[in-house]
N, C-alpha and C. Protein backbone atom coordinates (compact mmCIF):
# COMPACT_ATOMS: atom_id res chain seq x y z
N UNK A 1 0.79 -1.21 0.01
CA UNK A 1 0.05 0.10 -0.19
C UNK A 1 0.85 1.17 0.00
N UNK A 2 0.62 2.24 -0.90
CA UNK A 2 1.54 3.36 -1.05
C UNK A 2 1.19 4.18 0.21
N UNK A 3 1.94 5.24 0.33
CA UNK A 3 1.76 6.25 1.46
C UNK A 3 0.60 7.04 1.63
N UNK A 4 0.13 7.42 0.24
CA UNK A 4 -1.13 8.26 0.30
C UNK A 4 -2.23 7.26 0.85
N UNK A 5 -2.23 5.93 0.28
CA UNK A 5 -3.43 5.13 0.52
C UNK A 5 -3.36 4.81 1.99
N UNK A 6 -2.08 4.60 2.79
CA UNK A 6 -1.78 4.20 4.04
C UNK A 6 -2.35 5.50 4.80
N UNK A 7 -1.95 6.54 4.50
CA UNK A 7 -2.32 7.88 5.07
C UNK A 7 -3.99 7.81 5.24
N UNK A 8 -4.64 7.49 4.19
CA UNK A 8 -6.27 7.71 4.27
C UNK A 8 -7.01 6.68 4.91
N UNK A 9 -6.02 5.39 5.08
CA UNK A 9 -6.80 4.38 5.96
C UNK A 9 -6.56 4.90 7.42
N UNK A 10 -5.28 5.23 7.73
CA UNK A 10 -5.14 5.79 9.00
C UNK A 10 -6.14 6.69 9.41
N UNK A 11 -6.31 7.75 8.53
CA UNK A 11 -7.50 8.61 8.86
C UNK A 11 -8.80 8.01 9.18
N UNK A 12 -8.89 6.98 8.12
CA UNK A 12 -10.25 6.20 8.35
C UNK A 12 -10.37 5.59 9.81
N UNK A 13 -9.34 4.80 10.08
CA UNK A 13 -9.44 4.50 11.60
C UNK A 13 -9.80 5.22 12.43
N UNK A 14 -9.02 6.76 12.45
CA UNK A 14 -9.46 7.87 13.30
C UNK A 14 -10.91 8.20 13.22
N UNK A 15 -11.14 8.19 12.09
CA UNK A 15 -12.70 8.50 11.68
C UNK A 15 -13.54 7.79 12.64
N UNK A 16 -13.51 6.25 12.71
CA UNK A 16 -14.10 5.46 13.71
C UNK A 16 -14.15 5.90 14.96
N UNK A 17 -12.87 6.57 15.39
CA UNK A 17 -13.05 7.13 16.92
C UNK A 17 -13.30 8.34 17.05
N UNK A 18 -13.70 9.08 16.25
CA UNK A 18 -14.30 10.45 16.21
C UNK A 18 -15.75 10.48 15.78
N UNK A 19 -16.26 9.62 15.49
CA UNK A 19 -17.56 9.60 14.95
C UNK A 19 -18.69 10.02 15.90
N UNK A 20 -19.50 11.03 15.50
CA UNK A 20 -20.52 11.57 16.25
C UNK A 20 -22.08 10.98 15.61
N UNK A 21 -22.54 9.75 16.51
CA UNK A 21 -23.44 9.13 15.89
C UNK A 21 -24.95 9.37 16.65
N UNK A 22 -25.90 9.12 16.07
CA UNK A 22 -27.17 9.02 16.51
C UNK A 22 -27.40 7.59 16.92
N UNK A 23 -28.73 7.09 17.77
CA UNK A 23 -28.56 5.84 18.17
C UNK A 23 -29.22 4.82 17.26
N UNK A 24 -28.34 4.16 16.74
CA UNK A 24 -28.81 2.93 15.78
C UNK A 24 -27.54 1.99 16.12
N UNK A 25 -28.17 0.79 16.22
CA UNK A 25 -27.00 -0.11 16.57
C UNK A 25 -25.62 -0.15 16.02
N UNK A 26 -25.72 -0.39 14.61
CA UNK A 26 -24.19 -0.52 14.04
C UNK A 26 -23.55 0.83 14.41
N UNK A 27 -23.79 2.05 14.20
CA UNK A 27 -23.15 3.16 14.67
C UNK A 27 -23.22 3.26 16.25
N UNK A 28 -23.94 3.16 16.92
CA UNK A 28 -23.98 3.08 18.32
C UNK A 28 -22.73 2.21 18.79
N UNK A 29 -22.63 0.95 18.27
CA UNK A 29 -21.53 0.05 18.80
C UNK A 29 -20.25 0.83 18.31
N UNK A 30 -19.90 1.35 17.13
CA UNK A 30 -18.76 1.90 16.87
C UNK A 30 -18.52 2.88 17.62
N UNK A 31 -19.52 4.01 18.22
CA UNK A 31 -19.39 4.86 18.98
C UNK A 31 -19.07 4.46 20.53
N UNK A 32 -19.29 3.29 20.91
CA UNK A 32 -18.68 2.91 22.24
C UNK A 32 -17.26 2.63 21.87
N UNK A 33 -16.65 2.16 20.79
CA UNK A 33 -15.36 2.04 20.59
C UNK A 33 -14.59 3.43 20.76
N UNK A 34 -15.40 4.46 19.82
CA UNK A 34 -14.90 5.76 19.73
C UNK A 34 -14.59 6.41 21.14
N UNK A 35 -15.69 6.43 22.08
CA UNK A 35 -15.59 6.87 23.52
C UNK A 35 -14.28 6.29 24.20
N UNK A 36 -14.38 4.92 24.10
CA UNK A 36 -13.12 4.22 24.82
C UNK A 36 -11.61 4.66 24.43
N UNK A 37 -11.38 4.77 23.03
CA UNK A 37 -10.47 5.13 22.55
C UNK A 37 -9.94 6.52 22.83
N UNK A 38 -11.03 7.38 22.54
CA UNK A 38 -10.81 8.92 22.91
C UNK A 38 -10.51 9.02 24.28
N UNK A 39 -11.07 8.29 25.00
CA UNK A 39 -10.65 8.49 26.76
C UNK A 39 -9.17 7.88 26.93
N UNK A 40 -8.76 7.00 26.07
CA UNK A 40 -7.27 6.36 26.46
C UNK A 40 -6.29 7.72 25.86
N UNK A 41 -6.75 8.19 24.52
CA UNK A 41 -5.90 9.36 23.96
C UNK A 41 -5.99 10.45 24.92
N UNK A 42 -6.91 10.69 25.69
CA UNK A 42 -6.83 11.97 26.63
C UNK A 42 -6.36 11.63 27.92
N UNK A 43 -6.01 10.31 28.05
CA UNK A 43 -5.55 10.31 29.75
C UNK A 43 -4.13 10.94 29.91
N UNK A 44 -3.92 11.68 30.98
CA UNK A 44 -2.83 12.21 31.18
C UNK A 44 -1.58 11.28 31.34
N UNK A 45 -1.88 10.10 32.29
CA UNK A 45 -0.81 9.25 32.23
C UNK A 45 -0.34 8.27 30.89
N UNK A 46 -1.22 8.33 29.88
CA UNK A 46 -0.86 7.74 28.62
C UNK A 46 -0.27 8.53 27.75
N UNK A 47 0.09 9.98 27.91
CA UNK A 47 0.55 11.04 27.21
C UNK A 47 2.03 10.66 26.83
N UNK A 48 2.82 11.02 25.66
CA UNK A 48 4.06 11.18 25.36
C UNK A 48 4.72 9.70 24.95
N UNK A 49 6.00 10.12 24.57
CA UNK A 49 6.68 9.04 24.01
C UNK A 49 6.95 7.88 24.85
N UNK A 50 7.17 8.27 26.07
CA UNK A 50 7.46 7.40 27.10
C UNK A 50 6.39 6.29 27.21
N UNK A 51 5.06 6.48 27.24
CA UNK A 51 4.01 5.67 27.32
C UNK A 51 3.33 5.32 26.21
N UNK A 52 4.01 5.41 24.93
CA UNK A 52 3.61 5.16 23.73
C UNK A 52 3.15 3.47 23.63
N UNK A 53 3.87 2.77 24.10
CA UNK A 53 3.80 1.22 24.01
C UNK A 53 2.36 0.90 24.60
N UNK A 54 2.34 1.53 25.99
CA UNK A 54 1.09 1.15 26.54
C UNK A 54 0.05 1.68 26.13
N UNK A 55 0.01 2.85 25.84
CA UNK A 55 -1.04 3.74 24.77
C UNK A 55 -1.56 2.76 23.85
N UNK A 56 -0.74 2.19 22.74
CA UNK A 56 -0.91 1.54 21.77
C UNK A 56 -1.42 0.18 22.14
N UNK A 57 -1.07 -0.34 23.33
CA UNK A 57 -1.51 -1.65 23.70
C UNK A 57 -2.88 -1.54 24.03
N UNK A 58 -3.16 -0.74 24.49
CA UNK A 58 -4.60 -0.42 25.13
C UNK A 58 -5.57 0.04 23.78
N UNK A 59 -5.05 0.65 22.84
CA UNK A 59 -5.81 1.09 21.67
C UNK A 59 -6.14 -0.20 21.03
N UNK A 60 -4.94 -1.39 20.85
CA UNK A 60 -5.31 -2.50 19.97
C UNK A 60 -6.22 -3.11 20.63
N UNK A 61 -6.36 -3.19 22.18
CA UNK A 61 -7.22 -3.84 22.82
C UNK A 61 -8.66 -3.64 22.38
N UNK A 62 -8.86 -2.39 22.17
CA UNK A 62 -10.05 -1.74 21.67
C UNK A 62 -10.46 -2.19 20.12
N UNK A 63 -9.26 -2.24 19.40
CA UNK A 63 -9.46 -2.49 18.03
C UNK A 63 -9.73 -3.89 17.82
N UNK A 64 -9.32 -4.71 19.03
CA UNK A 64 -9.82 -6.17 18.61
C UNK A 64 -11.11 -6.63 19.12
N UNK A 65 -11.69 -5.59 19.93
CA UNK A 65 -13.03 -5.80 20.09
C UNK A 65 -14.00 -5.43 19.01
N UNK A 66 -13.57 -4.60 18.12
CA UNK A 66 -14.58 -4.05 16.90
C UNK A 66 -14.30 -4.58 15.62
N UNK A 67 -13.03 -5.03 15.53
CA UNK A 67 -12.58 -5.60 14.15
C UNK A 67 -12.94 -7.19 13.92
N UNK A 68 -13.42 -7.77 13.07
CA UNK A 68 -13.44 -9.03 12.62
C UNK A 68 -12.15 -9.59 11.90
N UNK A 69 -11.22 -9.74 12.68
CA UNK A 69 -9.90 -10.18 12.17
C UNK A 69 -10.11 -11.39 11.20
N UNK A 70 -10.97 -12.55 11.44
CA UNK A 70 -10.83 -13.58 10.74
C UNK A 70 -11.73 -13.11 9.20
N UNK A 71 -12.49 -12.38 9.29
CA UNK A 71 -12.96 -12.03 8.01
C UNK A 71 -12.29 -11.33 7.25
N UNK A 72 -11.27 -10.41 7.93
CA UNK A 72 -10.50 -9.35 7.18
C UNK A 72 -9.50 -10.52 6.59
N UNK A 73 -8.66 -11.21 7.36
CA UNK A 73 -7.59 -12.23 6.92
C UNK A 73 -8.42 -12.96 5.74
N UNK A 74 -9.40 -13.47 5.92
CA UNK A 74 -10.05 -14.25 4.69
C UNK A 74 -10.06 -13.40 3.45
N UNK A 75 -10.60 -12.43 3.56
CA UNK A 75 -10.84 -11.49 2.55
C UNK A 75 -9.55 -11.17 1.78
N UNK A 76 -8.53 -10.68 2.74
CA UNK A 76 -7.26 -10.30 2.26
C UNK A 76 -6.40 -11.58 1.45
N UNK A 77 -6.83 -12.75 1.83
CA UNK A 77 -5.96 -14.05 1.22
C UNK A 77 -6.92 -14.53 0.03
N UNK A 78 -8.07 -14.08 -0.01
CA UNK A 78 -9.11 -14.31 -1.19
C UNK A 78 -9.00 -15.71 -1.59
N UNK A 79 -8.74 -16.13 -2.80
CA UNK A 79 -8.67 -17.55 -3.46
C UNK A 79 -7.66 -18.32 -2.76
N UNK A 80 -6.69 -17.88 -1.97
CA UNK A 80 -5.94 -18.40 -1.26
C UNK A 80 -6.09 -19.22 0.13
N UNK A 81 -7.15 -18.66 0.61
CA UNK A 81 -7.64 -18.75 1.76
C UNK A 81 -8.06 -20.48 2.22
N UNK A 82 -8.79 -20.89 1.19
CA UNK A 82 -9.00 -22.01 1.07
C UNK A 82 -8.03 -23.24 1.21
N UNK A 83 -6.98 -22.97 0.60
CA UNK A 83 -5.81 -23.91 0.46
C UNK A 83 -5.17 -23.90 1.76
N UNK A 84 -5.32 -23.01 2.69
CA UNK A 84 -4.71 -23.17 4.02
C UNK A 84 -5.16 -24.19 4.90
N UNK A 85 -4.32 -24.82 5.82
CA UNK A 85 -4.75 -25.71 6.92
C UNK A 85 -5.29 -24.91 7.90
N UNK A 86 -6.09 -25.40 8.95
CA UNK A 86 -6.51 -24.79 10.00
C UNK A 86 -5.27 -24.05 10.81
N UNK A 87 -4.15 -24.61 10.95
CA UNK A 87 -3.10 -24.12 11.59
C UNK A 87 -2.51 -22.77 11.02
N UNK A 88 -2.43 -22.96 9.65
CA UNK A 88 -1.95 -21.80 8.88
C UNK A 88 -3.00 -20.62 8.95
N UNK A 89 -4.42 -20.86 8.87
CA UNK A 89 -5.09 -19.96 9.07
C UNK A 89 -5.18 -19.12 10.43
N UNK A 90 -5.06 -20.07 11.43
CA UNK A 90 -4.83 -19.23 12.73
C UNK A 90 -3.98 -18.54 12.64
N UNK A 91 -2.73 -18.77 12.41
CA UNK A 91 -1.27 -18.17 12.35
C UNK A 91 -1.52 -16.92 11.48
N UNK A 92 -2.22 -16.94 10.34
CA UNK A 92 -2.21 -15.61 9.35
C UNK A 92 -3.39 -14.79 10.14
N UNK A 93 -4.35 -15.06 10.49
CA UNK A 93 -5.41 -14.41 11.23
C UNK A 93 -4.39 -13.47 12.20
N UNK A 94 -3.70 -13.94 13.21
CA UNK A 94 -3.01 -13.34 14.22
C UNK A 94 -1.95 -12.47 13.68
N UNK A 95 -1.01 -12.84 12.43
CA UNK A 95 -0.15 -11.98 11.99
C UNK A 95 -0.82 -10.81 11.22
N UNK A 96 -1.85 -11.18 10.58
CA UNK A 96 -2.40 -10.10 9.87
C UNK A 96 -3.15 -8.90 10.58
N UNK A 97 -3.67 -9.49 11.86
CA UNK A 97 -4.20 -8.60 12.79
C UNK A 97 -3.01 -7.45 13.54
N UNK A 98 -1.94 -8.09 13.86
CA UNK A 98 -0.98 -7.57 14.30
C UNK A 98 -0.27 -6.47 13.15
N UNK A 99 -0.15 -6.86 12.27
CA UNK A 99 0.48 -6.13 10.98
C UNK A 99 -0.50 -5.02 10.39
N UNK A 100 -1.68 -5.02 10.83
CA UNK A 100 -2.56 -3.95 10.14
C UNK A 100 -2.52 -2.82 11.29
N UNK A 101 -2.73 -3.52 12.81
CA UNK A 101 -2.84 -2.65 13.71
C UNK A 101 -1.41 -1.84 13.73
N UNK A 102 -0.33 -2.32 13.68
CA UNK A 102 0.81 -1.81 13.86
C UNK A 102 1.20 -0.77 12.88
N UNK A 103 0.73 -1.25 11.51
CA UNK A 103 1.01 -0.08 10.27
C UNK A 103 0.40 1.08 10.55
N UNK A 104 -0.88 1.15 11.21
CA UNK A 104 -1.57 2.13 11.30
C UNK A 104 -1.27 3.11 12.75
N UNK A 105 -1.04 2.24 14.09
CA UNK A 105 -1.00 2.89 15.23
C UNK A 105 0.48 3.79 15.25
N UNK A 106 1.31 3.26 14.54
CA UNK A 106 2.65 4.15 14.45
C UNK A 106 2.40 5.40 13.94
N UNK A 107 1.20 5.65 12.95
CA UNK A 107 1.00 6.98 12.58
C UNK A 107 -0.32 7.66 13.24
N UNK A 108 -0.80 6.61 13.90
CA UNK A 108 -2.12 7.27 14.69
C UNK A 108 -1.87 8.51 15.38
N UNK A 109 -0.96 8.56 16.35
CA UNK A 109 -0.78 9.62 16.98
C UNK A 109 -0.58 10.99 16.25
N UNK A 110 -0.04 10.84 15.20
CA UNK A 110 0.77 11.94 14.28
C UNK A 110 -0.54 12.51 13.57
N UNK A 111 -1.56 11.92 13.09
CA UNK A 111 -2.38 12.14 12.13
C UNK A 111 -3.85 12.41 13.04
N UNK A 112 -3.74 12.03 14.28
CA UNK A 112 -5.17 12.23 15.14
C UNK A 112 -5.35 13.57 14.99
N UNK A 113 -4.59 14.67 15.19
CA UNK A 113 -4.80 16.13 15.33
C UNK A 113 -5.20 16.56 13.82
N UNK A 114 -5.04 15.76 12.75
CA UNK A 114 -5.28 16.32 11.32
C UNK A 114 -7.00 16.38 11.25
N UNK A 115 -7.56 15.58 11.82
CA UNK A 115 -8.84 15.60 11.88
C UNK A 115 -9.92 16.45 12.37
N UNK A 116 -10.51 17.58 11.69
CA UNK A 116 -11.33 18.57 12.20
C UNK A 116 -12.81 18.20 12.73
N UNK A 117 -13.35 17.57 11.63
CA UNK A 117 -14.90 17.09 11.99
C UNK A 117 -15.26 16.10 11.10
N UNK A 118 -16.08 15.41 11.87
CA UNK A 118 -16.65 14.01 11.22
C UNK A 118 -18.23 14.16 11.18
N UNK A 119 -18.52 14.06 9.59
CA UNK A 119 -19.93 14.11 9.38
C UNK A 119 -20.60 13.04 9.13
N UNK A 120 -21.61 12.45 9.76
CA UNK A 120 -22.39 11.34 9.63
C UNK A 120 -23.24 11.30 8.53
N UNK A 121 -22.95 10.44 7.45
CA UNK A 121 -23.91 10.64 6.38
C UNK A 121 -24.74 9.78 6.08
N UNK A 122 -25.07 8.65 6.67
CA UNK A 122 -26.01 7.47 6.78
C UNK A 122 -25.56 6.01 7.03
N UNK A 123 -26.48 5.48 7.23
CA UNK A 123 -26.25 3.98 7.41
C UNK A 123 -27.29 3.12 6.67
N UNK A 124 -27.01 1.92 6.24
CA UNK A 124 -27.75 0.73 5.76
C UNK A 124 -27.80 -0.38 6.39
N UNK A 125 -28.90 -1.18 6.77
CA UNK A 125 -28.68 -2.58 7.39
C UNK A 125 -29.39 -3.30 6.32
N UNK A 126 -28.65 -4.49 5.73
CA UNK A 126 -29.52 -5.51 4.78
C UNK A 126 -28.93 -6.95 5.61
N UNK A 127 -30.05 -7.62 5.74
CA UNK A 127 -29.66 -9.28 6.12
C UNK A 127 -28.26 -9.35 7.08
N UNK A 128 -28.33 -8.68 7.92
CA UNK A 128 -26.91 -8.84 8.87
C UNK A 128 -25.74 -8.29 8.65
N UNK A 129 -25.73 -7.34 7.52
CA UNK A 129 -24.83 -6.62 7.11
C UNK A 129 -25.15 -5.35 7.24
N UNK A 130 -24.03 -4.42 7.49
CA UNK A 130 -24.39 -2.88 7.75
C UNK A 130 -23.18 -1.98 6.94
N UNK A 131 -23.68 -0.75 6.38
CA UNK A 131 -22.85 0.11 6.03
C UNK A 131 -23.00 1.39 6.75
N UNK A 132 -21.85 1.76 7.31
CA UNK A 132 -21.91 3.25 7.92
C UNK A 132 -21.14 4.17 7.32
N UNK A 133 -21.47 5.44 6.80
CA UNK A 133 -20.92 6.27 5.73
C UNK A 133 -20.62 7.62 6.58
N UNK A 134 -19.49 7.95 6.60
CA UNK A 134 -19.22 9.25 7.01
C UNK A 134 -18.17 10.12 6.34
N UNK A 135 -18.20 11.46 6.32
CA UNK A 135 -17.22 12.50 5.54
C UNK A 135 -16.10 12.73 6.63
N UNK A 136 -14.89 12.85 6.61
CA UNK A 136 -13.87 13.26 7.52
C UNK A 136 -13.43 14.59 6.95
N UNK A 137 -13.67 15.46 7.61
CA UNK A 137 -13.04 17.00 7.19
C UNK A 137 -11.69 17.12 7.86
N UNK A 138 -10.44 17.37 7.14
CA UNK A 138 -9.38 17.55 7.76
C UNK A 138 -9.08 19.09 7.95
N UNK A 139 -8.02 19.56 8.75
CA UNK A 139 -7.70 20.93 9.20
C UNK A 139 -7.06 21.54 7.85
N UNK A 140 -6.67 20.55 6.82
CA UNK A 140 -6.16 21.14 5.50
C UNK A 140 -7.37 21.38 4.64
N UNK A 141 -8.63 21.37 5.13
CA UNK A 141 -9.76 21.45 4.29
C UNK A 141 -9.97 20.54 3.29
N UNK A 142 -9.74 19.20 3.40
CA UNK A 142 -9.80 18.17 2.62
C UNK A 142 -11.24 17.38 3.22
N UNK A 143 -12.04 16.83 2.62
CA UNK A 143 -12.85 15.79 2.85
C UNK A 143 -12.66 14.52 2.34
N UNK A 144 -12.57 13.57 3.09
CA UNK A 144 -12.47 12.15 2.81
C UNK A 144 -13.85 11.23 3.17
N UNK A 145 -14.47 10.82 1.96
CA UNK A 145 -15.47 9.85 2.40
C UNK A 145 -15.12 8.50 2.86
N UNK A 146 -15.60 7.96 3.73
CA UNK A 146 -15.39 6.64 4.22
C UNK A 146 -16.66 5.89 4.44
N UNK A 147 -16.46 4.49 4.07
CA UNK A 147 -17.51 3.79 4.37
C UNK A 147 -17.07 2.65 5.34
N UNK A 148 -17.72 2.47 6.30
CA UNK A 148 -17.24 1.14 7.12
C UNK A 148 -18.34 0.02 6.85
N UNK A 149 -17.65 -1.23 6.77
CA UNK A 149 -18.68 -2.29 6.31
C UNK A 149 -18.64 -3.29 7.49
N UNK A 150 -19.79 -3.53 8.24
CA UNK A 150 -19.75 -4.22 9.49
C UNK A 150 -20.81 -5.65 9.08
N UNK A 151 -20.59 -6.60 9.77
CA UNK A 151 -21.37 -7.77 9.71
C UNK A 151 -21.91 -8.16 11.40
N UNK A 152 -23.07 -8.48 11.42
CA UNK A 152 -23.38 -8.72 13.01
C UNK A 152 -23.27 -10.22 13.12
N UNK A 153 -22.35 -10.49 14.15
CA UNK A 153 -22.18 -11.69 14.49
C UNK A 153 -22.78 -12.33 15.56
N UNK A 154 -22.70 -13.77 15.78
CA UNK A 154 -23.65 -14.48 16.55
C UNK A 154 -23.61 -14.45 17.93
N UNK A 155 -22.18 -13.92 18.31
CA UNK A 155 -21.72 -13.84 19.82
C UNK A 155 -22.12 -12.49 20.29
N UNK A 156 -23.21 -12.56 20.84
CA UNK A 156 -23.80 -11.25 21.45
C UNK A 156 -24.29 -10.33 20.68
N UNK A 157 -24.45 -10.77 19.10
CA UNK A 157 -25.17 -9.69 18.34
C UNK A 157 -24.46 -8.64 18.18
N UNK A 158 -23.03 -8.66 17.99
CA UNK A 158 -22.09 -7.50 18.20
C UNK A 158 -21.85 -7.06 16.51
N UNK A 159 -21.91 -6.08 16.32
CA UNK A 159 -21.42 -5.57 14.88
C UNK A 159 -19.89 -5.31 14.88
N UNK A 160 -19.29 -5.96 13.84
CA UNK A 160 -17.88 -6.00 13.62
C UNK A 160 -17.50 -5.51 12.36
N UNK A 161 -16.50 -4.76 12.39
CA UNK A 161 -16.02 -4.26 11.04
C UNK A 161 -15.08 -5.16 10.38
N UNK A 162 -15.21 -5.49 9.10
CA UNK A 162 -14.49 -6.23 8.28
C UNK A 162 -14.01 -5.67 7.23
N UNK A 163 -14.31 -4.53 6.57
CA UNK A 163 -13.41 -3.47 5.72
C UNK A 163 -13.90 -2.31 5.81
N UNK A 164 -12.91 -1.19 5.43
CA UNK A 164 -13.14 0.05 5.35
C UNK A 164 -12.97 0.54 3.82
N UNK A 165 -13.83 1.43 3.24
CA UNK A 165 -13.90 1.94 1.67
C UNK A 165 -13.55 3.27 1.91
N UNK A 166 -12.32 3.61 1.44
CA UNK A 166 -11.81 4.92 1.37
C UNK A 166 -11.79 5.65 -0.03
N UNK A 167 -12.77 6.33 -0.32
CA UNK A 167 -12.67 7.16 -1.59
C UNK A 167 -12.55 6.01 -2.63
N UNK A 168 -13.60 5.03 -2.45
CA UNK A 168 -13.88 3.99 -3.54
C UNK A 168 -12.74 2.90 -3.41
N UNK A 169 -11.79 3.02 -2.47
CA UNK A 169 -10.83 1.87 -2.46
C UNK A 169 -10.98 1.08 -1.18
N UNK A 170 -11.18 -0.08 -1.51
CA UNK A 170 -11.38 -1.20 -0.26
C UNK A 170 -9.89 -1.60 0.36
N UNK A 171 -9.87 -1.63 1.51
CA UNK A 171 -8.62 -1.93 2.43
C UNK A 171 -8.36 -3.49 2.03
N UNK A 172 -9.49 -4.16 2.08
CA UNK A 172 -9.22 -5.57 1.82
C UNK A 172 -8.76 -5.89 0.51
N UNK A 173 -9.42 -5.18 -0.57
CA UNK A 173 -9.08 -5.36 -1.80
C UNK A 173 -7.61 -5.25 -1.95
N UNK A 174 -7.37 -3.94 -1.44
CA UNK A 174 -5.93 -3.45 -1.83
C UNK A 174 -4.97 -4.48 -1.11
N UNK A 175 -5.14 -5.04 0.11
CA UNK A 175 -4.38 -5.86 0.44
C UNK A 175 -4.30 -7.10 -0.27
N UNK A 176 -5.60 -7.73 -0.64
CA UNK A 176 -5.54 -9.06 -1.25
C UNK A 176 -4.95 -8.93 -2.69
N UNK A 177 -4.86 -7.80 -3.38
CA UNK A 177 -4.03 -7.58 -4.62
C UNK A 177 -2.37 -7.72 -4.46
N UNK A 178 -2.18 -7.18 -3.29
CA UNK A 178 -0.74 -7.10 -2.87
C UNK A 178 -0.22 -8.71 -2.53
N UNK A 179 -1.13 -9.31 -1.60
CA UNK A 179 -0.70 -10.70 -1.14
C UNK A 179 -0.83 -11.55 -2.39
N UNK A 180 -1.88 -11.30 -3.13
CA UNK A 180 -1.98 -12.34 -4.55
C UNK A 180 -0.76 -12.23 -5.23
N UNK A 181 -0.30 -11.42 -5.30
CA UNK A 181 0.90 -11.13 -6.38
C UNK A 181 2.14 -11.75 -5.70
N UNK A 182 2.43 -11.58 -4.48
CA UNK A 182 3.67 -11.95 -3.83
C UNK A 182 3.28 -13.55 -3.76
N UNK A 183 2.11 -14.08 -3.27
CA UNK A 183 2.14 -15.68 -3.49
C UNK A 183 2.13 -16.11 -4.79
N UNK A 184 1.55 -15.54 -5.92
CA UNK A 184 1.82 -15.93 -7.22
C UNK A 184 3.25 -15.97 -7.38
N UNK A 185 4.05 -15.04 -7.53
CA UNK A 185 5.32 -14.81 -7.81
C UNK A 185 6.26 -15.50 -6.88
N UNK A 186 5.96 -15.68 -5.49
CA UNK A 186 6.83 -16.47 -4.70
C UNK A 186 6.23 -17.65 -4.12
N UNK A 187 5.44 -17.39 -3.10
CA UNK A 187 4.58 -18.74 -2.37
C UNK A 187 3.92 -18.04 -1.03
N UNK A 188 2.96 -18.89 -0.63
CA UNK A 188 2.45 -18.43 0.68
C UNK A 188 3.60 -18.25 1.75
N UNK A 189 4.32 -19.19 2.06
CA UNK A 189 5.60 -19.00 3.07
C UNK A 189 6.26 -17.83 2.62
N UNK A 190 6.36 -17.29 1.25
CA UNK A 190 7.06 -15.93 1.00
C UNK A 190 6.17 -14.80 1.74
N UNK A 191 5.16 -15.01 1.64
CA UNK A 191 4.29 -13.95 2.16
C UNK A 191 4.56 -13.94 3.51
N UNK A 192 4.20 -14.95 4.32
CA UNK A 192 4.58 -14.95 5.60
C UNK A 192 5.91 -14.49 6.02
N UNK A 193 6.64 -14.71 5.43
CA UNK A 193 8.20 -13.94 5.60
C UNK A 193 7.99 -12.61 5.48
N UNK A 194 7.59 -12.01 4.36
CA UNK A 194 7.44 -10.62 4.32
C UNK A 194 6.64 -9.71 5.44
N UNK A 195 5.42 -10.39 5.81
CA UNK A 195 4.80 -9.98 6.86
C UNK A 195 5.38 -10.03 8.30
N UNK A 196 6.17 -11.15 8.37
CA UNK A 196 6.94 -11.32 9.63
C UNK A 196 7.97 -10.28 9.63
N UNK A 197 8.75 -10.10 8.50
CA UNK A 197 9.74 -9.04 8.32
C UNK A 197 9.30 -7.56 8.61
N UNK A 198 8.04 -7.36 8.04
CA UNK A 198 7.67 -5.81 8.34
C UNK A 198 7.50 -5.94 9.85
N UNK A 199 6.72 -6.76 10.54
CA UNK A 199 6.49 -6.71 11.96
C UNK A 199 7.82 -6.40 12.68
N UNK A 200 8.85 -7.04 12.27
CA UNK A 200 10.05 -7.16 13.01
C UNK A 200 10.63 -5.76 12.78
N UNK A 201 10.42 -4.87 11.86
CA UNK A 201 10.81 -3.45 11.57
C UNK A 201 10.13 -2.72 12.50
N UNK A 202 8.85 -2.77 12.88
CA UNK A 202 8.21 -2.05 13.77
C UNK A 202 8.03 -2.26 15.13
N UNK A 203 8.83 -3.22 15.56
CA UNK A 203 8.82 -3.71 17.03
C UNK A 203 9.99 -3.06 17.50
């Protein structure tokens, strides 16, 4: 993913945390995560570089409660998912979740202050799937339309995010195209090595 796309998806994650919503279930559940993360960001004892790791650990915990990492991972592997063993699937879900979180959390604190306003534009619910649309307005006077796609899970009837669409670009499709190219030109094992290498760079 290029730097512009990564920036926009970072902004999208922040948009989820800044959303001002009316009381409807998918949006309300997103707002619960919003309030918790905003509280973490504003805690005096979590401010500054010295508390970065703890701050990010707590934010990752909130992300884990709102994202369906298995659906994200399956979507990113696409046609290669069915070929994986149960053990490989479990490993990939864990690695991908950490990879995605680390990719954006490293930039989260910097870009957080760039969001000026979040405009709630609408919500659709069809057969256990939901779409929440917002427009994020930055201090540089740019508007970024974002669509959060959620699925209602059986466990507690929670709404979990499985994809974000930024200005027409799907996060899942973006990674699926990249991962497919790596697997096709190298191997699945080669993809795992690439992800582990990138995780090592951010540790």
